[in-house]
Amino acid sequence: MGDKKEKMGPLIILHGWTYSIEKWKPFLRLFEESGVEYRVLKIPGLTVPLSQVWSLDDYVDWLNHQISNIEHPIFILGHSNGGRIAAAFAARFPEKISNLILIDGTGIIRRDFKSLLKKHVFATAAKIGRKVTKSDSIRNLFYKAVGEQDYNKADPILKKTMLNLISQDLEPVFSKVKAPTLIIWGQNDTITPVSDGEKIHSLIQDSKLKIIENASHSPQFTHPKEVSEIITKFLANSQ
């Protein structure tokens, strides 16, 4: 009989704007094979409808409640918007988190002209909704062009919630994160470019940045083995 793998974790996983367990399965299977104990949380608004508009603080409160029955400091992995929530949690509750893992996380507001224009257009679209255009196809292309492909699928409450989240600059939050942090980024990410990862790396004092070549916004799906090995090594060295 072979030796049993030492268990690592618990690792709490926060998904991005959209969630599909089928997409995550190959990546999670590698965790199971490596002895990583994990729990994927379904984020309110993205998997279960919200009854009212939420802020980032509301999501942090929700996460705090979700892990309230876990005694020891935990590891948290956040992808995309999940990274935003994970970082905000780590900044507010440093005593409850052992290590943080961000995969192409959001939260950096780029101040170049193009980004400012996109943010202004998206904010305007959120206010005027269907008045942007009477054509569904044109409106959908419009939302896709501003980098928020899921916005047109959202209900009014989620639309306002999404706007709350993307409008908040997390630079002050990242600078308050004290937990050892692993930052993983797709080299070809066009939603949150590598420069965002580099900025977050500079803001979180105890952090390391790993760039995944030929990957985009979700390297855990396109390069599951490489990403899982990086994370597993990080967890093993942090136990």
C-alpha atoms as a PDB file:
ATOM      1  CA  MET A   1       0.000   0.000   0.000  1.00  0.00           C
ATOM      2  CA  GLY A   2       1.249   3.462  -0.858  1.00  0.00           C
ATOM      3  CA  ASP A   3       1.598   6.184   1.705  1.00  0.00           C
ATOM      4  CA  LYS A   4      -1.420   8.389   2.087  1.00  0.00           C
ATOM      5  CA  LYS A   5      -0.943  11.949   0.929  1.00  0.00           C
ATOM      6  CA  GLU A   6      -0.859  14.504   3.709  1.00  0.00           C
ATOM      7  CA  LYS A   7      -4.007  16.585   3.650  1.00  0.00           C
ATOM      8  CA  MET A   8      -3.640  20.289   2.878  1.00  0.00           C
ATOM      9  CA  GLY A   9      -6.148  23.027   3.509  1.00  0.00           C
ATOM     10  CA  PRO A  10      -8.921  23.758   4.027  1.00  0.00           C
ATOM     11  CA  LEU A  11      -8.954  25.818   0.834  1.00  0.00           C
ATOM     12  CA  ILE A  12     -12.001  28.014   0.277  1.00  0.00           C
ATOM     13  CA  ILE A  13     -12.575  28.769  -3.419  1.00  0.00           C
ATOM     14  CA  LEU A  14     -14.445  31.840  -4.661  1.00  0.00           C
ATOM     15  CA  HIS A  15     -15.384  31.794  -8.347  1.00  0.00           C
ATOM     16  CA  GLY A  16     -15.679  34.742 -10.718  1.00  0.00           C
ATOM     17  CA  TRP A  17     -18.671  36.465 -12.311  1.00  0.00           C
ATOM     18  CA  THR A  18     -19.898  33.229 -13.845  1.00  0.00           C
ATOM     19  CA  TYR A  19     -19.830  29.776 -12.300  1.00  0.00           C
ATOM     20  CA  SER A  20     -19.850  26.390 -14.006  1.00  0.00           C
ATOM     21  CA  ILE A  21     -18.856  23.339 -11.976  1.00  0.00           C
ATOM     22  CA  GLU A  22     -18.116  21.514 -15.236  1.00  0.00           C
ATOM     23  CA  LYS A  23     -15.373  24.009 -16.072  1.00  0.00           C
ATOM     24  CA  TRP A  24     -13.852  23.677 -12.620  1.00  0.00           C
ATOM     25  CA  LYS A  25     -13.938  19.844 -12.434  1.00  0.00           C
ATOM     26  CA  PRO A  26     -10.610  19.045 -14.193  1.00  0.00           C
ATOM     27  CA  PHE A  27      -8.797  21.588 -12.025  1.00  0.00           C
ATOM     28  CA  LEU A  28     -10.460  20.439  -8.794  1.00  0.00           C
ATOM     29  CA  ARG A  29      -9.729  16.800  -9.617  1.00  0.00           C
ATOM     30  CA  LEU A  30      -6.016  17.628  -9.542  1.00  0.00           C
ATOM     31  CA  PHE A  31      -6.467  19.108  -6.073  1.00  0.00           C
ATOM     32  CA  GLU A  32      -8.132  15.892  -4.922  1.00  0.00           C
ATOM     33  CA  GLU A  33      -5.251  13.828  -6.280  1.00  0.00           C
ATOM     34  CA  SER A  34      -2.778  16.047  -4.411  1.00  0.00           C
ATOM     35  CA  GLY A  35      -4.592  15.804  -1.090  1.00  0.00           C
ATOM     36  CA  VAL A  36      -5.959  19.345  -1.064  1.00  0.00           C
ATOM     37  CA  GLU A  37      -9.175  19.684   0.917  1.00  0.00           C
ATOM     38  CA  TYR A  38     -11.299  22.358  -0.712  1.00  0.00           C
ATOM     39  CA  ARG A  39     -14.739  23.872  -0.654  1.00  0.00           C
ATOM     40  CA  VAL A  40     -16.203  25.845  -3.568  1.00  0.00           C
ATOM     41  CA  LEU A  41     -18.623  28.514  -2.379  1.00  0.00           C
ATOM     42  CA  LYS A  42     -21.463  29.622  -4.624  1.00  0.00           C
ATOM     43  CA  ILE A  43     -21.442  33.397  -4.510  1.00  0.00           C
ATOM     44  CA  PRO A  44     -24.813  35.137  -3.989  1.00  0.00           C
ATOM     45  CA  GLY A  45     -26.076  37.019  -7.005  1.00  0.00           C
ATOM     46  CA  LEU A  46     -24.040  34.903  -9.372  1.00  0.00           C
ATOM     47  CA  THR A  47     -25.561  31.542  -8.492  1.00  0.00           C
ATOM     48  CA  VAL A  48     -28.468  32.491  -6.226  1.00  0.00           C
ATOM     49  CA  PRO A  49     -30.554  35.650  -6.891  1.00  0.00           C
ATOM     50  CA  LEU A  50     -30.127  38.573  -4.513  1.00  0.00           C
ATOM     51  CA  SER A  51     -33.131  40.191  -2.851  1.00  0.00           C
ATOM     52  CA  GLN A  52     -31.324  43.514  -2.507  1.00  0.00           C
ATOM     53  CA  VAL A  53     -28.278  45.297  -3.878  1.00  0.00           C
ATOM     54  CA  TRP A  54     -25.009  44.213  -2.240  1.00  0.00           C
ATOM     55  CA  SER A  55     -21.740  46.059  -1.676  1.00  0.00           C
ATOM     56  CA  LEU A  56     -18.263  44.581  -1.340  1.00  0.00           C
ATOM     57  CA  ASP A  57     -18.634  44.805   2.445  1.00  0.00           C
ATOM     58  CA  ASP A  58     -21.789  42.696   2.199  1.00  0.00           C
ATOM     59  CA  TYR A  59     -19.858  39.989   0.364  1.00  0.00           C
ATOM     60  CA  VAL A  60     -17.121  40.074   3.006  1.00  0.00           C
ATOM     61  CA  ASP A  61     -19.759  39.682   5.732  1.00  0.00           C
ATOM     62  CA  TRP A  62     -21.277  36.774   3.806  1.00  0.00           C
ATOM     63  CA  LEU A  63     -17.886  35.055   3.486  1.00  0.00           C
ATOM     64  CA  ASN A  64     -17.189  35.570   7.182  1.00  0.00           C
ATOM     65  CA  HIS A  65     -20.475  33.829   7.983  1.00  0.00           C
ATOM     66  CA  GLN A  66     -19.741  30.967   5.568  1.00  0.00           C
ATOM     67  CA  ILE A  67     -16.473  30.084   7.285  1.00  0.00           C
ATOM     68  CA  SER A  68     -17.634  30.725  10.856  1.00  0.00           C
ATOM     69  CA  ASN A  69     -17.640  27.000  11.673  1.00  0.00           C
ATOM     70  CA  ILE A  70     -13.995  26.514  10.659  1.00  0.00           C
ATOM     71  CA  GLU A  71     -11.729  26.694  13.691  1.00  0.00           C
ATOM     72  CA  HIS A  72      -8.304  27.212  12.186  1.00  0.00           C
ATOM     73  CA  PRO A  73      -7.035  29.939   9.835  1.00  0.00           C
ATOM     74  CA  ILE A  74      -7.936  29.009   6.289  1.00  0.00           C
ATOM     75  CA  PHE A  75      -6.538  29.331   2.803  1.00  0.00           C
ATOM     76  CA  ILE A  76      -8.659  31.345   0.374  1.00  0.00           C
ATOM     77  CA  LEU A  77      -8.464  31.214  -3.420  1.00  0.00           C
ATOM     78  CA  GLY A  78     -10.302  33.844  -5.423  1.00  0.00           C
ATOM     79  CA  HIS A  79     -10.609  33.967  -9.202  1.00  0.00           C
ATOM     80  CA  SER A  80     -11.501  37.212 -10.987  1.00  0.00           C
ATOM     81  CA  ASN A  81     -14.286  38.868  -8.959  1.00  0.00           C
ATOM     82  CA  GLY A  82     -13.806  36.160  -6.334  1.00  0.00           C
ATOM     83  CA  GLY A  83     -10.305  37.546  -5.895  1.00  0.00           C
ATOM     84  CA  ARG A  84     -11.781  40.947  -5.111  1.00  0.00           C
ATOM     85  CA  ILE A  85     -13.892  39.440  -2.326  1.00  0.00           C
ATOM     86  CA  ALA A  86     -11.028  37.290  -1.029  1.00  0.00           C
ATOM     87  CA  ALA A  87      -8.624  40.233  -0.815  1.00  0.00           C
ATOM     88  CA  ALA A  88     -11.183  42.419   0.946  1.00  0.00           C
ATOM     89  CA  PHE A  89     -11.800  39.624   3.450  1.00  0.00           C
ATOM     90  CA  ALA A  90      -8.066  39.155   4.057  1.00  0.00           C
ATOM     91  CA  ALA A  91      -7.660  42.879   4.698  1.00  0.00           C
ATOM     92  CA  ARG A  92     -10.547  43.061   7.181  1.00  0.00           C
ATOM     93  CA  PHE A  93     -10.021  39.735   8.961  1.00  0.00           C
ATOM     94  CA  PRO A  94      -6.251  39.063   8.918  1.00  0.00           C
ATOM     95  CA  GLU A  95      -6.535  36.718  11.901  1.00  0.00           C
ATOM     96  CA  LYS A  96      -8.889  34.382  10.031  1.00  0.00           C
ATOM     97  CA  ILE A  97      -6.803  33.714   6.955  1.00  0.00           C
ATOM     98  CA  SER A  98      -3.539  31.813   6.711  1.00  0.00           C
ATOM     99  CA  ASN A  99      -2.713  32.373   3.047  1.00  0.00           C
ATOM    100  CA  LEU A 100      -4.333  34.066   0.068  1.00  0.00           C
ATOM    101  CA  ILE A 101      -4.324  32.961  -3.574  1.00  0.00           C
ATOM    102  CA  LEU A 102      -5.469  35.315  -6.331  1.00  0.00           C
ATOM    103  CA  ILE A 103      -5.996  34.141  -9.908  1.00  0.00           C
ATOM    104  CA  ASP A 104      -6.381  37.076 -12.307  1.00  0.00           C
ATOM    105  CA  GLY A 105      -8.111  39.026  -9.560  1.00  0.00           C
ATOM    106  CA  THR A 106     -10.047  42.224 -10.093  1.00  0.00           C
ATOM    107  CA  GLY A 107      -9.929  45.446  -8.113  1.00  0.00           C
ATOM    108  CA  ILE A 108      -7.376  47.643  -9.850  1.00  0.00           C
ATOM    109  CA  ILE A 109      -8.916  50.642 -11.580  1.00  0.00           C
ATOM    110  CA  ARG A 110      -6.672  51.603 -14.475  1.00  0.00           C
ATOM    111  CA  ARG A 111      -6.470  55.324 -14.962  1.00  0.00           C
ATOM    112  CA  ASP A 112      -5.538  55.402 -18.617  1.00  0.00           C
ATOM    113  CA  PHE A 113      -7.948  57.087 -21.001  1.00  0.00           C
ATOM    114  CA  LYS A 114      -9.387  53.877 -22.439  1.00  0.00           C
ATOM    115  CA  SER A 115     -10.197  52.438 -19.040  1.00  0.00           C
ATOM    116  CA  LEU A 116     -11.759  55.669 -17.836  1.00  0.00           C
ATOM    117  CA  LEU A 117     -13.879  55.783 -20.977  1.00  0.00           C
ATOM    118  CA  LYS A 118     -15.009  52.176 -20.552  1.00  0.00           C
ATOM    119  CA  LYS A 119     -15.885  52.731 -16.907  1.00  0.00           C
ATOM    120  CA  HIS A 120     -17.864  55.880 -17.733  1.00  0.00           C
ATOM    121  CA  VAL A 121     -19.746  54.148 -20.542  1.00  0.00           C
ATOM    122  CA  PHE A 122     -20.518  51.118 -18.360  1.00  0.00           C
ATOM    123  CA  ALA A 123     -21.729  53.320 -15.488  1.00  0.00           C
ATOM    124  CA  THR A 124     -23.940  55.225 -17.902  1.00  0.00           C
ATOM    125  CA  ALA A 125     -25.293  51.974 -19.321  1.00  0.00           C
ATOM    126  CA  ALA A 126     -26.156  50.806 -15.826  1.00  0.00           C
ATOM    127  CA  LYS A 127     -28.259  53.908 -15.282  1.00  0.00           C
ATOM    128  CA  ILE A 128     -30.071  54.054 -18.587  1.00  0.00           C
ATOM    129  CA  GLY A 129     -30.336  50.307 -19.249  1.00  0.00           C
ATOM    130  CA  ARG A 130     -32.370  49.575 -22.365  1.00  0.00           C
ATOM    131  CA  LYS A 131     -32.177  53.199 -23.470  1.00  0.00           C
ATOM    132  CA  VAL A 132     -28.648  52.518 -24.700  1.00  0.00           C
ATOM    133  CA  THR A 133     -30.218  51.080 -27.827  1.00  0.00           C
ATOM    134  CA  LYS A 134     -33.480  49.465 -28.851  1.00  0.00           C
ATOM    135  CA  SER A 135     -31.625  46.612 -30.539  1.00  0.00           C
ATOM    136  CA  ASP A 136     -30.858  43.623 -28.309  1.00  0.00           C
ATOM    137  CA  SER A 137     -28.017  42.458 -30.545  1.00  0.00           C
ATOM    138  CA  ILE A 138     -26.355  45.873 -30.666  1.00  0.00           C
ATOM    139  CA  ARG A 139     -26.799  46.351 -26.925  1.00  0.00           C
ATOM    140  CA  ASN A 140     -25.213  42.962 -26.213  1.00  0.00           C
ATOM    141  CA  LEU A 141     -22.253  43.829 -28.423  1.00  0.00           C
ATOM    142  CA  PHE A 142     -22.040  47.152 -26.584  1.00  0.00           C
ATOM    143  CA  TYR A 143     -21.771  45.486 -23.193  1.00  0.00           C
ATOM    144  CA  LYS A 144     -19.253  42.989 -24.531  1.00  0.00           C
ATOM    145  CA  ALA A 145     -17.147  45.834 -25.887  1.00  0.00           C
ATOM    146  CA  VAL A 146     -16.844  47.397 -22.429  1.00  0.00           C
ATOM    147  CA  GLY A 147     -15.563  44.114 -21.030  1.00  0.00           C
ATOM    148  CA  GLU A 148     -18.639  43.141 -18.988  1.00  0.00           C
ATOM    149  CA  GLN A 149     -20.069  40.241 -21.008  1.00  0.00           C
ATOM    150  CA  ASP A 150     -22.205  39.006 -18.141  1.00  0.00           C
ATOM    151  CA  TYR A 151     -23.850  42.344 -17.482  1.00  0.00           C
ATOM    152  CA  ASN A 152     -26.559  41.917 -20.116  1.00  0.00           C
ATOM    153  CA  LYS A 153     -27.579  38.582 -18.534  1.00  0.00           C
ATOM    154  CA  ALA A 154     -27.998  40.028 -15.049  1.00  0.00           C
ATOM    155  CA  ASP A 155     -31.209  41.080 -13.330  1.00  0.00           C
ATOM    156  CA  PRO A 156     -31.529  44.748 -12.208  1.00  0.00           C
ATOM    157  CA  ILE A 157     -30.363  44.035  -8.647  1.00  0.00           C
ATOM    158  CA  LEU A 158     -27.271  42.176  -9.829  1.00  0.00           C
ATOM    159  CA  LYS A 159     -26.508  44.926 -12.347  1.00  0.00           C
ATOM    160  CA  LYS A 160     -26.391  47.494  -9.552  1.00  0.00           C
ATOM    161  CA  THR A 161     -24.370  45.106  -7.404  1.00  0.00           C
ATOM    162  CA  MET A 162     -21.865  44.580 -10.217  1.00  0.00           C
ATOM    163  CA  LEU A 163     -21.544  48.333 -10.630  1.00  0.00           C
ATOM    164  CA  ASN A 164     -20.924  48.700  -6.885  1.00  0.00           C
ATOM    165  CA  LEU A 165     -18.071  46.217  -7.091  1.00  0.00           C
ATOM    166  CA  ILE A 166     -16.292  47.400 -10.231  1.00  0.00           C
ATOM    167  CA  SER A 167     -16.478  51.041  -9.130  1.00  0.00           C
ATOM    168  CA  GLN A 168     -14.442  50.436  -5.968  1.00  0.00           C
ATOM    169  CA  ASP A 169     -10.689  50.903  -6.194  1.00  0.00           C
ATOM    170  CA  LEU A 170      -9.054  48.176  -4.113  1.00  0.00           C
ATOM    171  CA  GLU A 171      -5.519  49.570  -4.045  1.00  0.00           C
ATOM    172  CA  PRO A 172      -5.901  50.640  -0.370  1.00  0.00           C
ATOM    173  CA  VAL A 173      -7.378  47.204   0.391  1.00  0.00           C
ATOM    174  CA  PHE A 174      -4.541  45.258  -1.236  1.00  0.00           C
ATOM    175  CA  SER A 175      -1.989  47.280   0.732  1.00  0.00           C
ATOM    176  CA  LYS A 176      -3.633  46.106   3.982  1.00  0.00           C
ATOM    177  CA  VAL A 177      -3.356  42.396   3.170  1.00  0.00           C
ATOM    178  CA  LYS A 178      -0.842  40.801   5.544  1.00  0.00           C
ATOM    179  CA  ALA A 179      -1.300  37.117   4.671  1.00  0.00           C
ATOM    180  CA  PRO A 180       1.334  35.463   2.458  1.00  0.00           C
ATOM    181  CA  THR A 181      -0.171  35.751  -1.006  1.00  0.00           C
ATOM    182  CA  LEU A 182       0.284  33.825  -4.238  1.00  0.00           C
ATOM    183  CA  ILE A 183      -0.754  35.784  -7.325  1.00  0.00           C
ATOM    184  CA  ILE A 184      -1.285  33.796 -10.534  1.00  0.00           C
ATOM    185  CA  TRP A 185      -1.904  35.600 -13.816  1.00  0.00           C
ATOM    186  CA  GLY A 186      -2.561  34.673 -17.419  1.00  0.00           C
ATOM    187  CA  GLN A 187       0.032  36.264 -19.680  1.00  0.00           C
ATOM    188  CA  ASN A 188      -2.562  37.142 -22.332  1.00  0.00           C
ATOM    189  CA  ASP A 189      -5.387  38.277 -20.055  1.00  0.00           C
ATOM    190  CA  THR A 190      -7.295  41.108 -21.756  1.00  0.00           C
ATOM    191  CA  ILE A 191      -9.904  41.519 -18.997  1.00  0.00           C
ATOM    192  CA  THR A 192      -7.442  42.123 -16.175  1.00  0.00           C
ATOM    193  CA  PRO A 193      -4.043  42.574 -17.852  1.00  0.00           C
ATOM    194  CA  VAL A 194      -0.753  41.428 -16.364  1.00  0.00           C
ATOM    195  CA  SER A 195      -0.076  45.003 -15.272  1.00  0.00           C
ATOM    196  CA  ASP A 196      -2.924  44.586 -12.767  1.00  0.00           C
ATOM    197  CA  GLY A 197      -1.223  41.523 -11.316  1.00  0.00           C
ATOM    198  CA  GLU A 198       2.066  43.384 -11.109  1.00  0.00           C
ATOM    199  CA  LYS A 199       0.345  46.269  -9.344  1.00  0.00           C
ATOM    200  CA  ILE A 200      -1.310  43.951  -6.802  1.00  0.00           C
ATOM    201  CA  HIS A 201       2.061  42.255  -6.277  1.00  0.00           C
ATOM    202  CA  SER A 202       3.620  45.632  -5.462  1.00  0.00           C
ATOM    203  CA  LEU A 203       0.812  46.482  -3.025  1.00  0.00           C
ATOM    204  CA  ILE A 204       0.787  43.208  -1.052  1.00  0.00           C
ATOM    205  CA  GLN A 205       4.069  43.124   0.820  1.00  0.00           C
ATOM    206  CA  ASP A 206       4.356  39.358   1.326  1.00  0.00           C
ATOM    207  CA  SER A 207       3.391  38.203  -2.158  1.00  0.00           C
ATOM    208  CA  LYS A 208       4.799  36.336  -5.127  1.00  0.00           C
ATOM    209  CA  LEU A 209       3.633  36.598  -8.738  1.00  0.00           C
ATOM    210  CA  LYS A 210       3.511  33.686 -11.178  1.00  0.00           C
ATOM    211  CA  ILE A 211       2.778  34.413 -14.851  1.00  0.00           C
ATOM    212  CA  ILE A 212       1.210  31.584 -16.868  1.00  0.00           C
ATOM    213  CA  GLU A 213       2.415  31.755 -20.464  1.00  0.00           C
ATOM    214  CA  ASN A 214      -0.160  31.597 -23.269  1.00  0.00           C
ATOM    215  CA  ALA A 215      -3.015  31.786 -20.749  1.00  0.00           C
ATOM    216  CA  SER A 216      -5.763  34.382 -20.519  1.00  0.00           C
ATOM    217  CA  HIS A 217      -8.234  35.313 -17.754  1.00  0.00           C
ATOM    218  CA  SER A 218      -8.846  31.767 -16.462  1.00  0.00           C
ATOM    219  CA  PRO A 219      -5.526  29.879 -16.483  1.00  0.00           C
ATOM    220  CA  GLN A 220      -6.911  27.264 -14.081  1.00  0.00           C
ATOM    221  CA  PHE A 221      -9.163  26.070 -16.921  1.00  0.00           C
ATOM    222  CA  THR A 222      -6.675  26.193 -19.802  1.00  0.00           C
ATOM    223  CA  HIS A 223      -3.554  25.212 -17.837  1.00  0.00           C
ATOM    224  CA  PRO A 224      -4.993  23.209 -14.910  1.00  0.00           C
ATOM    225  CA  LYS A 225      -1.926  21.045 -14.237  1.00  0.00           C
ATOM    226  CA  GLU A 226       0.522  23.950 -14.181  1.00  0.00           C
ATOM    227  CA  VAL A 227      -1.706  26.114 -11.994  1.00  0.00           C
ATOM    228  CA  SER A 228      -2.613  23.308  -9.582  1.00  0.00           C
ATOM    229  CA  GLU A 229       1.051  22.376  -9.132  1.00  0.00           C
ATOM    230  CA  ILE A 230       1.967  25.980  -8.310  1.00  0.00           C
ATOM    231  CA  ILE A 231      -0.859  26.208  -5.782  1.00  0.00           C
ATOM    232  CA  THR A 232      -0.199  22.791  -4.237  1.00  0.00           C
ATOM    233  CA  LYS A 233       3.459  23.674  -3.692  1.00  0.00           C
ATOM    234  CA  PHE A 234       2.430  26.983  -2.123  1.00  0.00           C
ATOM    235  CA  LEU A 235       0.013  25.208   0.219  1.00  0.00           C
ATOM    236  CA  ALA A 236       2.552  22.521   1.153  1.00  0.00           C
ATOM    237  CA  ASN A 237       5.118  25.160   2.079  1.00  0.00           C
ATOM    238  CA  SER A 238       2.533  27.015   4.161  1.00  0.00           C
ATOM    239  CA  GLN A 239       1.199  24.158   6.299  1.00  0.00           C
END
